[in-house]
Amino acid sequence: DDGGGLNGIAHVVAHRLGKQLRYKDPEFTRVNLDLRSELLG
């Protein structure tokens, strides 16, 4: 439910998979918030 909490999980998962997250802010944060709002709101 918390954007910051899941962001940390995403980095842990990506690191385990050998992937580096390369999203660009503030564009990514905006669309991420929109998606979270649509799925959880």
Full PDB file with SEQRES, HELIX, SHEET, SSBOND, CRYST1, ORIGX, SCALE, CONECT and MASTER records, all heavy atoms in Angstrom:
SEQRES   1 A   41  ASP ASP GLY GLY GLY LEU ASN GLY ILE ALA HIS VAL VAL          
SEQRES   2 A   41  ALA HIS ARG LEU GLY LYS GLN LEU ARG TYR LYS ASP PRO          
SEQRES   3 A   41  GLU PHE THR ARG VAL ASN LEU ASP LEU ARG SER GLU LEU          
SEQRES   4 A   41  LEU GLY                                                      
HELIX    1 AA1 GLY A    3  ARG A   16  1                                  14    
HELIX    2 AA2 GLU A   27  LEU A   40  1                                  14    
CRYST1    1.000    1.000    1.000  90.00  90.00  90.00 P 1           1          
ORIGX1      1.000000  0.000000  0.000000        0.00000                         
ORIGX2      0.000000  1.000000  0.000000        0.00000                         
ORIGX3      0.000000  0.000000  1.000000        0.00000                         
SCALE1      1.000000  0.000000  0.000000        0.00000                         
SCALE2      0.000000  1.000000  0.000000        0.00000                         
SCALE3      0.000000  0.000000  1.000000        0.00000                         
ATOM      1  N   ASP A   1       0.811  -1.217   0.000  1.00  0.00           N  
ATOM      2  CA  ASP A   1       0.000   0.000   0.000  1.00  0.00           C  
ATOM      3  C   ASP A   1       0.847   1.271   0.000  1.00  0.00           C  
ATOM      4  O   ASP A   1       0.353   2.338  -0.377  1.00  0.00           O  
ATOM      5  CB  ASP A   1      -0.924   0.024   1.215  1.00  0.00           C  
ATOM      6  CG  ASP A   1      -2.036  -1.009   1.125  1.00  0.00           C  
ATOM      7  OD1 ASP A   1      -2.323  -1.458  -0.001  1.00  0.00           O  
ATOM      8  OD2 ASP A   1      -2.612  -1.367   2.166  1.00  0.00           O  
ATOM      9  N   ASP A   2       2.097   1.174   0.430  1.00  0.00           N  
ATOM     10  CA  ASP A   2       2.972   2.336   0.549  1.00  0.00           C  
ATOM     11  C   ASP A   2       3.940   2.378  -0.627  1.00  0.00           C  
ATOM     12  O   ASP A   2       4.691   1.428  -0.860  1.00  0.00           O  
ATOM     13  CB  ASP A   2       3.741   2.269   1.873  1.00  0.00           C  
ATOM     14  CG  ASP A   2       4.696   3.444   2.043  1.00  0.00           C  
ATOM     15  OD1 ASP A   2       4.226   4.535   2.404  1.00  0.00           O  
ATOM     16  OD2 ASP A   2       5.904   3.258   1.792  1.00  0.00           O  
ATOM     17  N   GLY A   3       3.941   3.484  -1.354  1.00  0.00           N  
ATOM     18  CA  GLY A   3       4.792   3.588  -2.528  1.00  0.00           C  
ATOM     19  C   GLY A   3       6.262   3.459  -2.216  1.00  0.00           C  
ATOM     20  O   GLY A   3       7.015   2.791  -2.932  1.00  0.00           O  
ATOM     21  N   GLY A   4       6.713   4.096  -1.133  1.00  0.00           N  
ATOM     22  CA  GLY A   4       8.116   4.009  -0.763  1.00  0.00           C  
ATOM     23  C   GLY A   4       8.522   2.608  -0.351  1.00  0.00           C  
ATOM     24  O   GLY A   4       9.613   2.133  -0.688  1.00  0.00           O  
ATOM     25  N   GLY A   5       7.634   1.921   0.379  1.00  0.00           N  
ATOM     26  CA  GLY A   5       7.932   0.560   0.800  1.00  0.00           C  
ATOM     27  C   GLY A   5       8.084  -0.379  -0.374  1.00  0.00           C  
ATOM     28  O   GLY A   5       9.008  -1.201  -0.420  1.00  0.00           O  
ATOM     29  N   LEU A   6       7.193  -0.273  -1.353  1.00  0.00           N  
ATOM     30  CA  LEU A   6       7.276  -1.162  -2.510  1.00  0.00           C  
ATOM     31  C   LEU A   6       8.457  -0.792  -3.399  1.00  0.00           C  
ATOM     32  O   LEU A   6       9.047  -1.658  -4.048  1.00  0.00           O  
ATOM     33  CB  LEU A   6       5.980  -1.130  -3.313  1.00  0.00           C  
ATOM     34  CG  LEU A   6       5.897  -2.227  -4.384  1.00  0.00           C  
ATOM     35  CD1 LEU A   6       5.905  -3.610  -3.736  1.00  0.00           C  
ATOM     36  CD2 LEU A   6       4.661  -2.076  -5.231  1.00  0.00           C  
ATOM     37  N   ASN A   7       8.816   0.477  -3.420  1.00  0.00           N  
ATOM     38  CA  ASN A   7       9.988   0.890  -4.188  1.00  0.00           C  
ATOM     39  C   ASN A   7      11.230   0.166  -3.683  1.00  0.00           C  
ATOM     40  O   ASN A   7      12.058  -0.313  -4.470  1.00  0.00           O  
ATOM     41  CB  ASN A   7      10.174   2.408  -4.083  1.00  0.00           C  
ATOM     42  CG  ASN A   7      11.349   2.899  -4.908  1.00  0.00           C  
ATOM     43  OD1 ASN A   7      12.482   2.924  -4.432  1.00  0.00           O  
ATOM     44  ND2 ASN A   7      11.079   3.311  -6.136  1.00  0.00           N  
ATOM     45  N   GLY A   8      11.363   0.049  -2.364  1.00  0.00           N  
ATOM     46  CA  GLY A   8      12.493  -0.681  -1.806  1.00  0.00           C  
ATOM     47  C   GLY A   8      12.460  -2.146  -2.190  1.00  0.00           C  
ATOM     48  O   GLY A   8      13.495  -2.737  -2.525  1.00  0.00           O  
ATOM     49  N   ILE A   9      11.272  -2.756  -2.156  1.00  0.00           N  
ATOM     50  CA  ILE A   9      11.136  -4.157  -2.563  1.00  0.00           C  
ATOM     51  C   ILE A   9      11.533  -4.331  -4.024  1.00  0.00           C  
ATOM     52  O   ILE A   9      12.222  -5.290  -4.396  1.00  0.00           O  
ATOM     53  CB  ILE A   9       9.682  -4.638  -2.342  1.00  0.00           C  
ATOM     54  CG1 ILE A   9       9.345  -4.680  -0.850  1.00  0.00           C  
ATOM     55  CG2 ILE A   9       9.457  -5.998  -2.997  1.00  0.00           C  
ATOM     56  CD1 ILE A   9      10.079  -5.739  -0.072  1.00  0.00           C  
ATOM     57  N   ALA A  10      11.092  -3.405  -4.879  1.00  0.00           N  
ATOM     58  CA  ALA A  10      11.406  -3.491  -6.308  1.00  0.00           C  
ATOM     59  C   ALA A  10      12.908  -3.472  -6.541  1.00  0.00           C  
ATOM     60  O   ALA A  10      13.435  -4.220  -7.386  1.00  0.00           O  
ATOM     61  CB  ALA A  10      10.731  -2.346  -7.066  1.00  0.00           C  
ATOM     62  N   HIS A  11      13.635  -2.647  -5.800  1.00  0.00           N  
ATOM     63  CA  HIS A  11      15.090  -2.595  -5.956  1.00  0.00           C  
ATOM     64  C   HIS A  11      15.738  -3.894  -5.489  1.00  0.00           C  
ATOM     65  O   HIS A  11      16.705  -4.370  -6.111  1.00  0.00           O  
ATOM     66  CB  HIS A  11      15.652  -1.391  -5.191  1.00  0.00           C  
ATOM     67  CG  HIS A  11      15.519  -0.096  -5.926  1.00  0.00           C  
ATOM     68  ND1 HIS A  11      16.461   0.358  -6.815  1.00  0.00           N  
ATOM     69  CD2 HIS A  11      14.527   0.827  -5.918  1.00  0.00           C  
ATOM     70  CE1 HIS A  11      16.074   1.525  -7.328  1.00  0.00           C  
ATOM     71  NE2 HIS A  11      14.898   1.833  -6.793  1.00  0.00           N  
ATOM     72  N   VAL A  12      15.213  -4.470  -4.406  1.00  0.00           N  
ATOM     73  CA  VAL A  12      15.753  -5.747  -3.924  1.00  0.00           C  
ATOM     74  C   VAL A  12      15.537  -6.837  -4.970  1.00  0.00           C  
ATOM     75  O   VAL A  12      16.455  -7.620  -5.282  1.00  0.00           O  
ATOM     76  CB  VAL A  12      15.089  -6.135  -2.589  1.00  0.00           C  
ATOM     77  CG1 VAL A  12      15.446  -7.573  -2.206  1.00  0.00           C  
ATOM     78  CG2 VAL A  12      15.512  -5.186  -1.480  1.00  0.00           C  
ATOM     79  N   VAL A  13      14.327  -6.915  -5.526  1.00  0.00           N  
ATOM     80  CA  VAL A  13      14.021  -7.936  -6.537  1.00  0.00           C  
ATOM     81  C   VAL A  13      14.866  -7.722  -7.781  1.00  0.00           C  
ATOM     82  O   VAL A  13      15.448  -8.677  -8.337  1.00  0.00           O  
ATOM     83  CB  VAL A  13      12.524  -7.906  -6.881  1.00  0.00           C  
ATOM     84  CG1 VAL A  13      12.219  -8.833  -8.052  1.00  0.00           C  
ATOM     85  CG2 VAL A  13      11.683  -8.302  -5.666  1.00  0.00           C  
ATOM     86  N   ALA A  14      14.950  -6.485  -8.241  1.00  0.00           N  
ATOM     87  CA  ALA A  14      15.737  -6.198  -9.441  1.00  0.00           C  
ATOM     88  C   ALA A  14      17.202  -6.578  -9.243  1.00  0.00           C  
ATOM     89  O   ALA A  14      17.831  -7.166 -10.136  1.00  0.00           O  
ATOM     90  CB  ALA A  14      15.610  -4.717  -9.799  1.00  0.00           C  
ATOM     91  N   HIS A  15      17.752  -6.265  -8.077  1.00  0.00           N  
ATOM     92  CA  HIS A  15      19.151  -6.612  -7.806  1.00  0.00           C  
ATOM     93  C   HIS A  15      19.347  -8.121  -7.844  1.00  0.00           C  
ATOM     94  O   HIS A  15      20.334  -8.612  -8.403  1.00  0.00           O  
ATOM     95  CB  HIS A  15      19.560  -6.059  -6.435  1.00  0.00           C  
ATOM     96  CG  HIS A  15      20.959  -6.424  -6.037  1.00  0.00           C  
ATOM     97  ND1 HIS A  15      22.072  -5.841  -6.602  1.00  0.00           N  
ATOM     98  CD2 HIS A  15      21.425  -7.339  -5.127  1.00  0.00           C  
ATOM     99  CE1 HIS A  15      23.168  -6.367  -6.072  1.00  0.00           C  
ATOM    100  NE2 HIS A  15      22.796  -7.278  -5.175  1.00  0.00           N  
ATOM    101  N   ARG A  16      18.412  -8.853  -7.269  1.00  0.00           N  
ATOM    102  CA  ARG A  16      18.512 -10.303  -7.265  1.00  0.00           C  
ATOM    103  C   ARG A  16      18.458 -10.859  -8.692  1.00  0.00           C  
ATOM    104  O   ARG A  16      19.089 -11.882  -9.001  1.00  0.00           O  
ATOM    105  CB  ARG A  16      17.376 -10.893  -6.433  1.00  0.00           C  
ATOM    106  CG  ARG A  16      17.375 -12.398  -6.321  1.00  0.00           C  
ATOM    107  CD  ARG A  16      18.421 -12.916  -5.359  1.00  0.00           C  
ATOM    108  NE  ARG A  16      18.499 -14.367  -5.371  1.00  0.00           N  
ATOM    109  CZ  ARG A  16      19.191 -15.096  -4.503  1.00  0.00           C  
ATOM    110  NH1 ARG A  16      19.851 -14.495  -3.541  1.00  0.00           N  
ATOM    111  NH2 ARG A  16      19.197 -16.411  -4.586  1.00  0.00           N  
ATOM    112  N   LEU A  17      17.723 -10.200  -9.557  1.00  0.00           N  
ATOM    113  CA  LEU A  17      17.590 -10.641 -10.945  1.00  0.00           C  
ATOM    114  C   LEU A  17      18.710 -10.112 -11.832  1.00  0.00           C  
ATOM    115  O   LEU A  17      18.727 -10.378 -13.044  1.00  0.00           O  
ATOM    116  CB  LEU A  17      16.243 -10.185 -11.513  1.00  0.00           C  
ATOM    117  CG  LEU A  17      14.982 -10.747 -10.841  1.00  0.00           C  
ATOM    118  CD1 LEU A  17      13.733 -10.175 -11.480  1.00  0.00           C  
ATOM    119  CD2 LEU A  17      14.961 -12.269 -10.904  1.00  0.00           C  
ATOM    120  N   GLY A  18      19.622  -9.335 -11.258  1.00  0.00           N  
ATOM    121  CA  GLY A  18      20.710  -8.772 -12.034  1.00  0.00           C  
ATOM    122  C   GLY A  18      20.286  -7.608 -12.902  1.00  0.00           C  
ATOM    123  O   GLY A  18      20.913  -7.320 -13.929  1.00  0.00           O  
ATOM    124  N   LYS A  19      19.221  -6.926 -12.485  1.00  0.00           N  
ATOM    125  CA  LYS A  19      18.689  -5.806 -13.262  1.00  0.00           C  
ATOM    126  C   LYS A  19      18.870  -4.515 -12.474  1.00  0.00           C  
ATOM    127  O   LYS A  19      18.670  -4.485 -11.259  1.00  0.00           O  
ATOM    128  CB  LYS A  19      17.206  -6.022 -13.553  1.00  0.00           C  
ATOM    129  CG  LYS A  19      16.503  -4.857 -14.227  1.00  0.00           C  
ATOM    130  CD  LYS A  19      15.010  -5.147 -14.385  1.00  0.00           C  
ATOM    131  CE  LYS A  19      14.228  -3.951 -14.921  1.00  0.00           C  
ATOM    132  NZ  LYS A  19      14.637  -3.584 -16.284  1.00  0.00           N  
ATOM    133  N   GLN A  20      19.248  -3.459 -13.158  1.00  0.00           N  
ATOM    134  CA  GLN A  20      19.335  -2.141 -12.539  1.00  0.00           C  
ATOM    135  C   GLN A  20      18.149  -1.300 -12.989  1.00  0.00           C  
ATOM    136  O   GLN A  20      17.917  -1.149 -14.188  1.00  0.00           O  
ATOM    137  CB  GLN A  20      20.637  -1.438 -12.915  1.00  0.00           C  
ATOM    138  CG  GLN A  20      20.823  -0.094 -12.203  1.00  0.00           C  
ATOM    139  CD  GLN A  20      22.171   0.538 -12.503  1.00  0.00           C  
ATOM    140  OE1 GLN A  20      23.013  -0.069 -13.176  1.00  0.00           O  
ATOM    141  NE2 GLN A  20      22.398   1.742 -12.009  1.00  0.00           N  
ATOM    142  N   LEU A  21      17.396  -0.786 -12.029  1.00  0.00           N  
ATOM    143  CA  LEU A  21      16.237   0.038 -12.369  1.00  0.00           C  
ATOM    144  C   LEU A  21      16.717   1.388 -12.888  1.00  0.00           C  
ATOM    145  O   LEU A  21      17.515   2.067 -12.231  1.00  0.00           O  
ATOM    146  CB  LEU A  21      15.338   0.209 -11.142  1.00  0.00           C  
ATOM    147  CG  LEU A  21      14.766  -1.082 -10.552  1.00  0.00           C  
ATOM    148  CD1 LEU A  21      13.837  -0.774  -9.382  1.00  0.00           C  
ATOM    149  CD2 LEU A  21      14.026  -1.897 -11.604  1.00  0.00           C  
ATOM    150  N   ARG A  22      16.200   1.779 -14.046  1.00  0.00           N  
ATOM    151  CA  ARG A  22      16.669   2.999 -14.700  1.00  0.00           C  
ATOM    152  C   ARG A  22      15.516   3.949 -15.029  1.00  0.00           C  
ATOM    153  O   ARG A  22      15.540   4.638 -16.035  1.00  0.00           O  
ATOM    154  CB  ARG A  22      17.426   2.648 -15.987  1.00  0.00           C  
ATOM    155  CG  ARG A  22      18.662   1.777 -15.747  1.00  0.00           C  
ATOM    156  CD  ARG A  22      19.392   1.490 -17.055  1.00  0.00           C  
ATOM    157  NE  ARG A  22      20.546   0.634 -16.875  1.00  0.00           N  
ATOM    158  CZ  ARG A  22      21.755   1.059 -16.501  1.00  0.00           C  
ATOM    159  NH1 ARG A  22      21.944   2.355 -16.287  1.00  0.00           N  
ATOM    160  NH2 ARG A  22      22.758   0.211 -16.355  1.00  0.00           N  
ATOM    161  N   TYR A  23      14.500   3.978 -14.201  1.00  0.00           N  
ATOM    162  CA  TYR A  23      13.388   4.897 -14.454  1.00  0.00           C  
ATOM    163  C   TYR A  23      13.844   6.338 -14.206  1.00  0.00           C  
ATOM    164  O   TYR A  23      14.807   6.588 -13.476  1.00  0.00           O  
ATOM    165  CB  TYR A  23      12.199   4.560 -13.566  1.00  0.00           C  
ATOM    166  CG  TYR A  23      12.493   4.483 -12.091  1.00  0.00           C  
ATOM    167  CD1 TYR A  23      12.587   5.629 -11.316  1.00  0.00           C  
ATOM    168  CD2 TYR A  23      12.686   3.255 -11.472  1.00  0.00           C  
ATOM    169  CE1 TYR A  23      12.866   5.559  -9.962  1.00  0.00           C  
ATOM    170  CE2 TYR A  23      12.963   3.167 -10.115  1.00  0.00           C  
ATOM    171  CZ  TYR A  23      13.048   4.318  -9.369  1.00  0.00           C  
ATOM    172  OH  TYR A  23      13.324   4.252  -8.023  1.00  0.00           O  
ATOM    173  N   LYS A  24      13.136   7.246 -14.848  1.00  0.00           N  
ATOM    174  CA  LYS A  24      13.485   8.668 -14.755  1.00  0.00           C  
ATOM    175  C   LYS A  24      12.374   9.430 -14.042  1.00  0.00           C  
ATOM    176  O   LYS A  24      11.206   9.321 -14.408  1.00  0.00           O  
ATOM    177  CB  LYS A  24      13.714   9.253 -16.148  1.00  0.00           C  
ATOM    178  CG  LYS A  24      14.907   8.650 -16.883  1.00  0.00           C  
ATOM    179  CD  LYS A  24      15.106   9.301 -18.247  1.00  0.00           C  
ATOM    180  CE  LYS A  24      16.317   8.690 -18.972  1.00  0.00           C  
ATOM    181  NZ  LYS A  24      16.515   9.312 -20.310  1.00  0.00           N  
ATOM    182  N   ASP A  25      12.764  10.172 -13.053  1.00  0.00           N  
ATOM    183  CA  ASP A  25      11.816  11.022 -12.335  1.00  0.00           C  
ATOM    184  C   ASP A  25      11.909  12.459 -12.858  1.00  0.00           C  
ATOM    185  O   ASP A  25      12.945  12.872 -13.380  1.00  0.00           O  
ATOM    186  CB  ASP A  25      12.118  10.980 -10.831  1.00  0.00           C  
ATOM    187  CG  ASP A  25      11.464   9.788 -10.143  1.00  0.00           C  
ATOM    188  OD1 ASP A  25      10.385   9.395 -10.614  1.00  0.00           O  
ATOM    189  OD2 ASP A  25      12.026   9.258  -9.178  1.00  0.00           O  
ATOM    190  N   PRO A  26      10.822  13.257 -12.735  1.00  0.00           N  
ATOM    191  CA  PRO A  26       9.585  12.940 -11.998  1.00  0.00           C  
ATOM    192  C   PRO A  26       8.540  12.186 -12.825  1.00  0.00           C  
ATOM    193  O   PRO A  26       7.476  11.873 -12.318  1.00  0.00           O  
ATOM    194  CB  PRO A  26       9.069  14.319 -11.627  1.00  0.00           C  
ATOM    195  CG  PRO A  26       9.485  15.176 -12.776  1.00  0.00           C  
ATOM    196  CD  PRO A  26      10.830  14.660 -13.198  1.00  0.00           C  
ATOM    197  N   GLU A  27       8.849  11.887 -14.121  1.00  0.00           N  
ATOM    198  CA  GLU A  27       7.850  11.241 -14.977  1.00  0.00           C  
ATOM    199  C   GLU A  27       7.404   9.898 -14.409  1.00  0.00           C  
ATOM    200  O   GLU A  27       6.205   9.588 -14.369  1.00  0.00           O  
ATOM    201  CB  GLU A  27       8.407  11.056 -16.395  1.00  0.00           C  
ATOM    202  CG  GLU A  27       8.643  12.346 -17.160  1.00  0.00           C  
ATOM    203  CD  GLU A  27       9.992  12.972 -16.836  1.00  0.00           C  
ATOM    204  OE1 GLU A  27      10.733  12.395 -15.991  1.00  0.00           O  
ATOM    205  OE2 GLU A  27      10.313  14.016 -17.412  1.00  0.00           O  
ATOM    206  N   PHE A  28       8.383   9.077 -13.952  1.00  0.00           N  
ATOM    207  CA  PHE A  28       8.020   7.757 -13.469  1.00  0.00           C  
ATOM    208  C   PHE A  28       7.159   7.837 -12.215  1.00  0.00           C  
ATOM    209  O   PHE A  28       6.170   7.105 -12.092  1.00  0.00           O  
ATOM    210  CB  PHE A  28       9.261   6.921 -13.176  1.00  0.00           C  
ATOM    211  CG  PHE A  28       8.928   5.606 -12.521  1.00  0.00           C  
ATOM    212  CD1 PHE A  28       8.364   4.573 -13.254  1.00  0.00           C  
ATOM    213  CD2 PHE A  28       9.142   5.408 -11.159  1.00  0.00           C  
ATOM    214  CE1 PHE A  28       8.028   3.369 -12.649  1.00  0.00           C  
ATOM    215  CE2 PHE A  28       8.815   4.206 -10.548  1.00  0.00           C  
ATOM    216  CZ  PHE A  28       8.262   3.188 -11.299  1.00  0.00           C  
ATOM    217  N   THR A  29       7.532   8.710 -11.284  1.00  0.00           N  
ATOM    218  CA  THR A  29       6.757   8.818 -10.049  1.00  0.00           C  
ATOM    219  C   THR A  29       5.314   9.198 -10.347  1.00  0.00           C  
ATOM    220  O   THR A  29       4.377   8.680  -9.715  1.00  0.00           O  
ATOM    221  CB  THR A  29       7.384   9.866  -9.113  1.00  0.00           C  
ATOM    222  OG1 THR A  29       8.687   9.398  -8.723  1.00  0.00           O  
ATOM    223  CG2 THR A  29       6.542  10.063  -7.863  1.00  0.00           C  
ATOM    224  N   ARG A  30       5.114  10.037 -11.324  1.00  0.00           N  
ATOM    225  CA  ARG A  30       3.749  10.462 -11.674  1.00  0.00           C  
ATOM    226  C   ARG A  30       2.932   9.289 -12.195  1.00  0.00           C  
ATOM    227  O   ARG A  30       1.813   9.036 -11.721  1.00  0.00           O  
ATOM    228  CB  ARG A  30       3.788  11.577 -12.719  1.00  0.00           C  
ATOM    229  CG  ARG A  30       2.400  12.023 -13.196  1.00  0.00           C  
ATOM    230  CD  ARG A  30       2.498  13.111 -14.246  1.00  0.00           C  
ATOM    231  NE  ARG A  30       3.292  12.689 -15.379  1.00  0.00           N  
ATOM    232  CZ  ARG A  30       2.849  11.912 -16.356  1.00  0.00           C  
ATOM    233  NH1 ARG A  30       1.606  11.439 -16.321  1.00  0.00           N  
ATOM    234  NH2 ARG A  30       3.631  11.590 -17.367  1.00  0.00           N  
ATOM    235  N   VAL A  31       3.468   8.530 -13.161  1.00  0.00           N  
ATOM    236  CA  VAL A  31       2.693   7.418 -13.719  1.00  0.00           C  
ATOM    237  C   VAL A  31       2.575   6.281 -12.711  1.00  0.00           C  
ATOM    238  O   VAL A  31       1.574   5.553 -12.696  1.00  0.00           O  
ATOM    239  CB  VAL A  31       3.291   6.922 -15.052  1.00  0.00           C  
ATOM    240  CG1 VAL A  31       3.148   7.973 -16.143  1.00  0.00           C  
ATOM    241  CG2 VAL A  31       4.746   6.506 -14.895  1.00  0.00           C  
ATOM    242  N   ASN A  32       3.591   6.110 -11.857  1.00  0.00           N  
ATOM    243  CA  ASN A  32       3.518   5.087 -10.817  1.00  0.00           C  
ATOM    244  C   ASN A  32       2.403   5.408  -9.831  1.00  0.00           C  
ATOM    245  O   ASN A  32       1.635   4.527  -9.430  1.00  0.00           O  
ATOM    246  CB  ASN A  32       4.860   4.974 -10.093  1.00  0.00           C  
ATOM    247  CG  ASN A  32       4.841   3.954  -8.965  1.00  0.00           C  
ATOM    248  OD1 ASN A  32       4.729   4.315  -7.804  1.00  0.00           O  
ATOM    249  ND2 ASN A  32       4.946   2.684  -9.318  1.00  0.00           N  
ATOM    250  N   LEU A  33       2.289   6.674  -9.450  1.00  0.00           N  
ATOM    251  CA  LEU A  33       1.211   7.084  -8.548  1.00  0.00           C  
ATOM    252  C   LEU A  33      -0.146   6.889  -9.205  1.00  0.00           C  
ATOM    253  O   LEU A  33      -1.114   6.476  -8.556  1.00  0.00           O  
ATOM    254  CB  LEU A  33       1.398   8.533  -8.119  1.00  0.00           C  
ATOM    255  CG  LEU A  33       2.531   8.804  -7.131  1.00  0.00           C  
ATOM    256  CD1 LEU A  33       2.716  10.309  -6.938  1.00  0.00           C  
ATOM    257  CD2 LEU A  33       2.245   8.129  -5.791  1.00  0.00           C  
ATOM    258  N   ASP A  34      -0.239   7.183 -10.502  1.00  0.00           N  
ATOM    259  CA  ASP A  34      -1.502   6.990 -11.223  1.00  0.00           C  
ATOM    260  C   ASP A  34      -1.887   5.505 -11.227  1.00  0.00           C  
ATOM    261  O   ASP A  34      -3.052   5.152 -11.015  1.00  0.00           O  
ATOM    262  CB  ASP A  34      -1.376   7.494 -12.660  1.00  0.00           C  
ATOM    263  CG  ASP A  34      -1.331   9.006 -12.738  1.00  0.00           C  
ATOM    264  OD1 ASP A  34      -1.707   9.672 -11.744  1.00  0.00           O  
ATOM    265  OD2 ASP A  34      -0.906   9.532 -13.795  1.00  0.00           O  
ATOM    266  N   LEU A  35      -0.904   4.632 -11.475  1.00  0.00           N  
ATOM    267  CA  LEU A  35      -1.175   3.197 -11.500  1.00  0.00           C  
ATOM    268  C   LEU A  35      -1.590   2.706 -10.111  1.00  0.00           C  
ATOM    269  O   LEU A  35      -2.546   1.955  -9.976  1.00  0.00           O  
ATOM    270  CB  LEU A  35       0.047   2.439 -11.991  1.00  0.00           C  
ATOM    271  CG  LEU A  35      -0.067   0.901 -12.014  1.00  0.00           C  
ATOM    272  CD1 LEU A  35      -1.173   0.460 -12.983  1.00  0.00           C  
ATOM    273  CD2 LEU A  35       1.276   0.262 -12.393  1.00  0.00           C  
ATOM    274  N   ARG A  36      -0.866   3.136  -9.102  1.00  0.00           N  
ATOM    275  CA  ARG A  36      -1.205   2.735  -7.727  1.00  0.00           C  
ATOM    276  C   ARG A  36      -2.611   3.188  -7.356  1.00  0.00           C  
ATOM    277  O   ARG A  36      -3.363   2.450  -6.734  1.00  0.00           O  
ATOM    278  CB  ARG A  36      -0.184   3.316  -6.742  1.00  0.00           C  
ATOM    279  CG  ARG A  36       1.229   2.788  -6.907  1.00  0.00           C  
ATOM    280  CD  ARG A  36       2.137   3.396  -5.847  1.00  0.00           C  
ATOM    281  NE  ARG A  36       1.633   3.077  -4.520  1.00  0.00           N  
ATOM    282  CZ  ARG A  36       1.840   1.924  -3.911  1.00  0.00           C  
ATOM    283  NH1 ARG A  36       2.547   0.988  -4.497  1.00  0.00           N  
ATOM    284  NH2 ARG A  36       1.339   1.703  -2.728  1.00  0.00           N  
ATOM    285  N   SER A  37      -2.943   4.410  -7.753  1.00  0.00           N  
ATOM    286  CA  SER A  37      -4.271   4.927  -7.457  1.00  0.00           C  
ATOM    287  C   SER A  37      -5.344   4.111  -8.147  1.00  0.00           C  
ATOM    288  O   SER A  37      -6.405   3.808  -7.556  1.00  0.00           O  
ATOM    289  CB  SER A  37      -4.365   6.396  -7.874  1.00  0.00           C  
ATOM    290  OG  SER A  37      -5.659   6.901  -7.673  1.00  0.00           O  
ATOM    291  N   GLU A  38      -5.086   3.704  -9.380  1.00  0.00           N  
ATOM    292  CA  GLU A  38      -6.081   2.952 -10.125  1.00  0.00           C  
ATOM    293  C   GLU A  38      -6.252   1.533  -9.568  1.00  0.00           C  
ATOM    294  O   GLU A  38      -7.366   1.016  -9.495  1.00  0.00           O  
ATOM    295  CB  GLU A  38      -5.705   2.887 -11.601  1.00  0.00           C  
ATOM    296  CG  GLU A  38      -6.781   2.273 -12.473  1.00  0.00           C  
ATOM    297  CD  GLU A  38      -6.660   2.662 -13.930  1.00  0.00           C  
ATOM    298  OE1 GLU A  38      -5.581   3.138 -14.335  1.00  0.00           O  
ATOM    299  OE2 GLU A  38      -7.654   2.491 -14.663  1.00  0.00           O  
ATOM    300  N   LEU A  39      -5.137   0.915  -9.156  1.00  0.00           N  
ATOM    301  CA  LEU A  39      -5.215  -0.458  -8.679  1.00  0.00           C  
ATOM    302  C   LEU A  39      -5.628  -0.562  -7.218  1.00  0.00           C  
ATOM    303  O   LEU A  39      -6.328  -1.508  -6.827  1.00  0.00           O  
ATOM    304  CB  LEU A  39      -3.859  -1.153  -8.860  1.00  0.00           C  
ATOM    305  CG  LEU A  39      -3.362  -1.342 -10.302  1.00  0.00           C  
ATOM    306  CD1 LEU A  39      -1.983  -1.988 -10.304  1.00  0.00           C  
ATOM    307  CD2 LEU A  39      -4.345  -2.164 -11.107  1.00  0.00           C  
ATOM    308  N   LEU A  40      -5.186   0.383  -6.394  1.00  0.00           N  
ATOM    309  CA  LEU A  40      -5.442   0.305  -4.963  1.00  0.00           C  
ATOM    310  C   LEU A  40      -6.506   1.276  -4.475  1.00  0.00           C  
ATOM    311  O   LEU A  40      -7.097   1.065  -3.422  1.00  0.00           O  
ATOM    312  CB  LEU A  40      -4.144   0.567  -4.181  1.00  0.00           C  
ATOM    313  CG  LEU A  40      -3.029  -0.464  -4.389  1.00  0.00           C  
ATOM    314  CD1 LEU A  40      -1.712   0.054  -3.810  1.00  0.00           C  
ATOM    315  CD2 LEU A  40      -3.410  -1.790  -3.752  1.00  0.00           C  
ATOM    316  N   GLY A  41      -6.760   2.308  -5.252  1.00  0.00           N  
ATOM    317  CA  GLY A  41      -7.704   3.326  -4.806  1.00  0.00           C  
ATOM    318  C   GLY A  41      -9.124   2.847  -4.704  1.00  0.00           C  
ATOM    319  O   GLY A  41      -9.912   3.351  -3.908  1.00  0.00           O  
TER     320      GLY A  41                                                      
MASTER        0    0    0    2    0    0    0    6  319    1    0    4          
END                                                                             
